[in-house]
Amino acid sequence: MGAKDRVGRAGEQLAREWLTRQGLQILDANWRCPIGELDIVALDGDELAFVEVKTRTSTAFGHPAESITRAKLARLRRLAGAWVAVHDVHASGMRIDVVAILRRSGEPTLVEHVQGVG
């Protein structure tokens, strides 16, 4: 596993822990199907949250959340539909969230949870 993969996996673990502390129930993590992968699926009250985690070690290429493009949102919507189709989970609504994590050397880790991005 390369350095980028290690940073990403560590970020996903941190995001799961952070979301759990915020009261969300993690239902699935790193769920894969032929069209891609969902980082985290969580239940927030009676609403499903499909969470994309973006972790960076600097802002040289922008804030981590800025990497969520329209095309990425469209893919996340398709993935959310695929997940719901194969799981027996009933919720009052669904949303796509982003957890942006910035882990700069020598500085505190920043975690930002943006709800309902698309």
Protein backbone atom coordinates (compact mmCIF):
# COMPACT_ATOMS: atom_id res chain seq x y z
CA MET A 1 0.00 0.00 0.00
CA GLY A 2 1.41 3.36 -1.02
CA ALA A 3 1.63 6.52 1.07
CA LYS A 4 -1.48 8.00 -0.60
CA ASP A 5 -3.47 4.84 0.17
CA ARG A 6 -2.29 4.89 3.81
CA VAL A 7 -3.34 8.53 4.17
CA GLY A 8 -6.73 7.73 2.64
CA ARG A 9 -7.38 4.68 4.83
CA ALA A 10 -6.31 6.54 7.97
CA GLY A 11 -8.65 9.38 6.99
CA GLU A 12 -11.55 6.98 6.51
CA GLN A 13 -10.94 5.45 9.94
CA LEU A 14 -10.80 8.91 11.50
CA ALA A 15 -14.03 9.88 9.69
CA ARG A 16 -15.85 6.76 10.98
CA GLU A 17 -14.76 7.53 14.54
CA TRP A 18 -15.72 11.21 14.21
CA LEU A 19 -19.15 10.42 12.72
CA THR A 20 -19.82 7.87 15.46
CA ARG A 21 -18.98 10.48 18.12
CA GLN A 22 -21.46 12.82 16.38
CA GLY A 23 -24.20 10.21 16.88
CA LEU A 24 -24.31 8.60 13.43
CA GLN A 25 -24.56 4.81 13.19
CA ILE A 26 -22.11 3.36 10.67
CA LEU A 27 -23.92 0.75 8.55
CA ASP A 28 -21.24 0.02 5.97
CA ALA A 29 -17.71 1.05 5.02
CA ASN A 30 -15.76 0.63 1.79
CA TRP A 31 -18.77 -0.97 0.08
CA ARG A 32 -17.94 -1.95 -3.48
CA CYS A 33 -19.98 -2.80 -6.53
CA PRO A 34 -19.19 -2.80 -10.27
CA ILE A 35 -19.64 0.98 -10.56
CA GLY A 36 -17.41 1.98 -7.66
CA GLU A 37 -17.06 2.28 -3.91
CA LEU A 38 -18.85 4.09 -1.11
CA ASP A 39 -16.52 5.14 1.70
CA ILE A 40 -19.15 5.20 4.47
CA VAL A 41 -22.87 4.57 4.73
CA ALA A 42 -24.36 5.84 7.98
CA LEU A 43 -27.73 6.35 9.60
CA ASP A 44 -28.24 9.84 11.00
CA GLY A 45 -31.48 9.60 12.92
CA ASP A 46 -33.86 8.27 10.29
CA GLU A 47 -31.86 9.56 7.31
CA LEU A 48 -29.25 7.66 5.32
CA ALA A 49 -25.97 9.49 4.77
CA PHE A 50 -23.64 8.33 2.00
CA VAL A 51 -20.32 9.81 3.02
CA GLU A 52 -17.36 10.50 0.75
CA VAL A 53 -14.12 10.98 2.70
CA LYS A 54 -11.40 13.20 1.28
CA THR A 55 -8.09 13.37 3.13
CA ARG A 56 -5.17 15.58 2.22
CA THR A 57 -1.88 16.47 3.83
CA SER A 58 -1.78 20.01 2.41
CA THR A 59 -3.92 22.53 0.61
CA ALA A 60 -1.52 22.76 -2.35
CA PHE A 61 -4.28 21.37 -4.57
CA GLY A 62 -7.12 23.07 -2.67
CA HIS A 63 -9.38 22.11 0.22
CA PRO A 64 -10.16 18.36 0.32
CA ALA A 65 -13.89 18.95 -0.29
CA GLU A 66 -13.12 20.84 -3.51
CA SER A 67 -12.32 17.54 -5.23
CA ILE A 68 -16.04 16.64 -5.26
CA THR A 69 -17.07 17.47 -8.81
CA ARG A 70 -20.47 17.20 -10.49
CA ALA A 71 -19.34 13.96 -12.10
CA LYS A 72 -18.27 12.58 -8.70
CA LEU A 73 -21.64 13.58 -7.20
CA ALA A 74 -23.48 11.84 -10.04
CA ARG A 75 -21.45 8.68 -9.42
CA LEU A 76 -22.14 8.87 -5.68
CA ARG A 77 -25.87 9.15 -6.41
CA ARG A 78 -25.71 6.02 -8.59
CA LEU A 79 -23.73 4.20 -5.91
CA ALA A 80 -26.26 5.23 -3.23
CA GLY A 81 -29.06 3.83 -5.38
CA ALA A 82 -27.13 0.59 -5.87
CA TRP A 83 -26.51 0.27 -2.12
CA VAL A 84 -30.18 0.83 -1.27
CA ALA A 85 -31.22 -1.74 -3.89
CA VAL A 86 -29.32 -4.54 -2.11
CA HIS A 87 -29.85 -3.59 1.55
CA ASP A 88 -33.02 -3.86 3.60
CA VAL A 89 -32.73 -0.45 5.26
CA HIS A 90 -35.68 1.89 5.44
CA ALA A 91 -35.05 5.59 5.99
CA SER A 92 -37.09 8.76 5.66
CA GLY A 93 -34.49 10.31 3.36
CA MET A 94 -31.04 10.09 1.87
CA ARG A 95 -28.23 12.55 1.43
CA ILE A 96 -24.64 12.70 0.26
CA ASP A 97 -22.13 14.11 2.72
CA VAL A 98 -18.43 14.84 2.57
CA VAL A 99 -15.98 14.52 5.43
CA ALA A 100 -12.94 16.60 4.54
CA ILE A 101 -9.81 15.88 6.55
CA LEU A 102 -6.64 17.94 6.51
CA ARG A 103 -3.64 16.27 8.18
CA ARG A 104 -0.75 18.72 7.94
CA SER A 105 2.53 17.82 9.58
CA GLY A 106 3.02 19.54 12.93
CA GLU A 107 -0.53 20.93 13.02
CA PRO A 108 -3.78 19.65 14.51
CA THR A 109 -5.89 17.49 12.22
CA LEU A 110 -8.90 19.36 10.86
CA VAL A 111 -12.17 17.46 10.25
CA GLU A 112 -15.07 19.12 8.46
CA HIS A 113 -18.41 17.35 7.88
CA VAL A 114 -20.45 18.92 5.09
CA GLN A 115 -23.97 17.51 4.98
CA GLY A 116 -26.16 17.30 1.91
CA VAL A 117 -23.68 18.28 -0.78
CA GLY A 118 -25.74 16.79 -3.54
